Amino acid sequence: MASVTVKFKDGTKREFPHEGRAGGSYTKTVKYEGGVVIIQDEWYRRTAFPLEDVAEVIETPERY
């Protein structure tokens, strides 16, 4: 996947667009662990949200 959008139950959303990274096929990843959704970017920086606040997670490939 290349881009991730997290929609919350309160109607807000956070977008994590594909940024790319030189030297390889680095991209965003999504994991679900212990009641949270974790978005990891191309530089291994992670952002976590409690699943109880999340309505939807949308993963969009770079080419579709």
N, C-alpha and C. Protein backbone atom coordinates (compact mmCIF):
# COMPACT_ATOMS: atom_id res chain seq x y z
N MET A 1 0.83 -1.16 0.00
CA MET A 1 0.00 0.00 0.00
C MET A 1 0.87 1.23 0.00
N ALA A 2 0.35 2.31 -0.47
CA ALA A 2 1.15 3.52 -0.55
C ALA A 2 0.61 4.64 0.32
N SER A 3 -0.70 4.76 0.42
CA SER A 3 -1.31 5.82 1.22
C SER A 3 -2.31 5.22 2.19
N VAL A 4 -2.46 5.87 3.36
CA VAL A 4 -3.38 5.39 4.38
C VAL A 4 -4.22 6.57 4.86
N THR A 5 -5.52 6.34 4.99
CA THR A 5 -6.43 7.32 5.57
C THR A 5 -7.13 6.66 6.75
N VAL A 6 -7.13 7.34 7.89
CA VAL A 6 -7.81 6.85 9.08
C VAL A 6 -8.98 7.79 9.34
N LYS A 7 -10.20 7.22 9.32
CA LYS A 7 -11.41 7.99 9.62
C LYS A 7 -11.84 7.64 11.04
N PHE A 8 -12.16 8.68 11.80
CA PHE A 8 -12.54 8.50 13.19
C PHE A 8 -14.04 8.60 13.37
N LYS A 9 -14.53 8.08 14.48
CA LYS A 9 -15.95 8.07 14.77
C LYS A 9 -16.53 9.47 14.94
N ASP A 10 -15.68 10.44 15.29
CA ASP A 10 -16.16 11.82 15.46
C ASP A 10 -16.23 12.58 14.13
N GLY A 11 -15.91 11.90 13.01
CA GLY A 11 -16.01 12.50 11.69
C GLY A 11 -14.72 13.10 11.15
N THR A 12 -13.69 13.18 11.98
CA THR A 12 -12.41 13.70 11.50
C THR A 12 -11.63 12.60 10.80
N LYS A 13 -10.58 13.00 10.09
CA LYS A 13 -9.74 11.99 9.44
C LYS A 13 -8.29 12.46 9.42
N ARG A 14 -7.39 11.50 9.37
CA ARG A 14 -5.95 11.75 9.25
C ARG A 14 -5.48 11.03 8.00
N GLU A 15 -4.71 11.73 7.19
CA GLU A 15 -4.20 11.14 5.96
C GLU A 15 -2.69 10.99 6.05
N PHE A 16 -2.22 9.86 5.55
CA PHE A 16 -0.80 9.55 5.50
C PHE A 16 -0.47 9.22 4.04
N PRO A 17 -0.20 10.25 3.22
CA PRO A 17 0.04 10.02 1.79
C PRO A 17 1.40 9.37 1.54
N HIS A 18 1.47 8.66 0.43
CA HIS A 18 2.73 8.05 0.01
C HIS A 18 3.76 9.15 -0.22
N GLU A 19 4.94 8.99 0.36
CA GLU A 19 6.01 9.96 0.18
C GLU A 19 7.19 9.36 -0.56
N GLY A 20 7.32 8.05 -0.49
CA GLY A 20 8.46 7.39 -1.12
C GLY A 20 9.73 7.62 -0.32
N ARG A 21 10.74 6.88 -0.70
CA ARG A 21 12.05 7.01 -0.04
C ARG A 21 13.08 6.46 -1.01
N ALA A 22 14.14 7.19 -1.19
CA ALA A 22 15.17 6.77 -2.13
C ALA A 22 15.79 5.44 -1.72
N GLY A 23 16.15 4.65 -2.71
CA GLY A 23 16.88 3.43 -2.45
C GLY A 23 16.06 2.18 -2.28
N GLY A 24 14.80 2.21 -2.60
CA GLY A 24 14.03 0.98 -2.45
C GLY A 24 12.54 1.19 -2.52
N SER A 25 11.83 0.15 -2.16
CA SER A 25 10.38 0.17 -2.26
C SER A 25 9.76 0.38 -0.88
N TYR A 26 10.21 1.38 -0.16
CA TYR A 26 9.67 1.69 1.15
C TYR A 26 8.29 2.31 1.00
N THR A 27 7.38 1.97 1.90
CA THR A 27 6.03 2.49 1.84
C THR A 27 5.40 2.46 3.23
N LYS A 28 4.19 2.95 3.35
CA LYS A 28 3.45 2.91 4.60
C LYS A 28 3.03 1.48 4.90
N THR A 29 2.96 1.14 6.19
CA THR A 29 2.42 -0.15 6.61
C THR A 29 1.40 0.09 7.72
N VAL A 30 0.45 -0.84 7.83
CA VAL A 30 -0.58 -0.77 8.86
C VAL A 30 -0.54 -2.07 9.66
N LYS A 31 -0.56 -1.94 11.01
CA LYS A 31 -0.63 -3.10 11.90
C LYS A 31 -1.73 -2.85 12.91
N TYR A 32 -2.33 -3.94 13.38
CA TYR A 32 -3.32 -3.87 14.44
C TYR A 32 -2.79 -4.68 15.60
N GLU A 33 -2.50 -4.02 16.73
CA GLU A 33 -1.94 -4.70 17.90
C GLU A 33 -2.55 -4.15 19.18
N GLY A 34 -2.96 -5.03 20.06
CA GLY A 34 -3.39 -4.65 21.40
C GLY A 34 -4.37 -3.50 21.48
N GLY A 35 -5.35 -3.46 20.60
CA GLY A 35 -6.37 -2.42 20.66
C GLY A 35 -5.99 -1.11 20.00
N VAL A 36 -4.92 -1.10 19.23
CA VAL A 36 -4.52 0.11 18.50
C VAL A 36 -4.22 -0.23 17.05
N VAL A 37 -4.36 0.77 16.18
CA VAL A 37 -3.91 0.64 14.80
C VAL A 37 -2.62 1.47 14.70
N ILE A 38 -1.59 0.88 14.12
CA ILE A 38 -0.28 1.52 14.03
C ILE A 38 0.06 1.76 12.57
N ILE A 39 0.32 3.02 12.22
CA ILE A 39 0.74 3.39 10.87
C ILE A 39 2.25 3.66 10.94
N GLN A 40 3.01 2.95 10.11
CA GLN A 40 4.45 3.16 10.07
C GLN A 40 4.82 3.72 8.71
N ASP A 41 5.62 4.81 8.71
CA ASP A 41 5.97 5.44 7.45
C ASP A 41 7.27 4.89 6.88
N GLU A 42 7.72 5.50 5.80
CA GLU A 42 8.90 5.03 5.07
C GLU A 42 10.19 5.14 5.87
N TRP A 43 10.19 5.95 6.91
CA TRP A 43 11.38 6.13 7.75
C TRP A 43 11.22 5.45 9.10
N TYR A 44 10.22 4.52 9.20
CA TYR A 44 9.95 3.72 10.39
C TYR A 44 9.39 4.53 11.55
N ARG A 45 8.91 5.73 11.29
CA ARG A 45 8.22 6.54 12.31
C ARG A 45 6.80 5.97 12.44
N ARG A 46 6.35 5.76 13.67
CA ARG A 46 5.04 5.15 13.90
C ARG A 46 4.07 6.10 14.59
N THR A 47 2.81 6.00 14.19
CA THR A 47 1.72 6.74 14.81
C THR A 47 0.65 5.72 15.16
N ALA A 48 0.12 5.77 16.39
CA ALA A 48 -0.87 4.80 16.83
C ALA A 48 -2.15 5.51 17.27
N PHE A 49 -3.28 4.86 16.98
CA PHE A 49 -4.59 5.36 17.37
C PHE A 49 -5.36 4.24 18.04
N PRO A 50 -6.09 4.53 19.13
CA PRO A 50 -6.93 3.50 19.76
C PRO A 50 -8.05 3.07 18.81
N LEU A 51 -8.25 1.78 18.68
CA LEU A 51 -9.28 1.26 17.78
C LEU A 51 -10.68 1.70 18.20
N GLU A 52 -10.88 1.98 19.46
CA GLU A 52 -12.21 2.40 19.91
C GLU A 52 -12.61 3.76 19.33
N ASP A 53 -11.63 4.54 18.86
CA ASP A 53 -11.90 5.84 18.26
C ASP A 53 -11.97 5.79 16.73
N VAL A 54 -11.55 4.67 16.13
CA VAL A 54 -11.42 4.56 14.68
C VAL A 54 -12.68 3.95 14.07
N ALA A 55 -13.20 4.60 13.03
CA ALA A 55 -14.35 4.08 12.30
C ALA A 55 -13.91 3.25 11.10
N GLU A 56 -12.82 3.68 10.43
CA GLU A 56 -12.40 3.02 9.19
C GLU A 56 -10.93 3.33 8.90
N VAL A 57 -10.24 2.33 8.36
CA VAL A 57 -8.86 2.52 7.88
C VAL A 57 -8.86 2.16 6.40
N ILE A 58 -8.42 3.09 5.57
CA ILE A 58 -8.41 2.88 4.11
C ILE A 58 -6.98 2.83 3.64
N GLU A 59 -6.60 1.73 3.00
CA GLU A 59 -5.27 1.56 2.43
C GLU A 59 -5.40 1.65 0.91
N THR A 60 -4.68 2.60 0.29
CA THR A 60 -4.77 2.80 -1.15
C THR A 60 -3.41 2.51 -1.78
N PRO A 61 -3.36 1.56 -2.71
CA PRO A 61 -2.08 1.28 -3.37
C PRO A 61 -1.64 2.44 -4.24
N GLU A 62 -0.34 2.54 -4.47
CA GLU A 62 0.19 3.60 -5.29
C GLU A 62 -0.35 3.52 -6.72
N ARG A 63 -0.45 2.31 -7.22
CA ARG A 63 -0.98 2.08 -8.57
C ARG A 63 -2.19 1.16 -8.46
N TYR A 64 -3.32 1.62 -8.91
CA TYR A 64 -4.53 0.80 -8.87
C TYR A 64 -5.37 1.02 -10.07
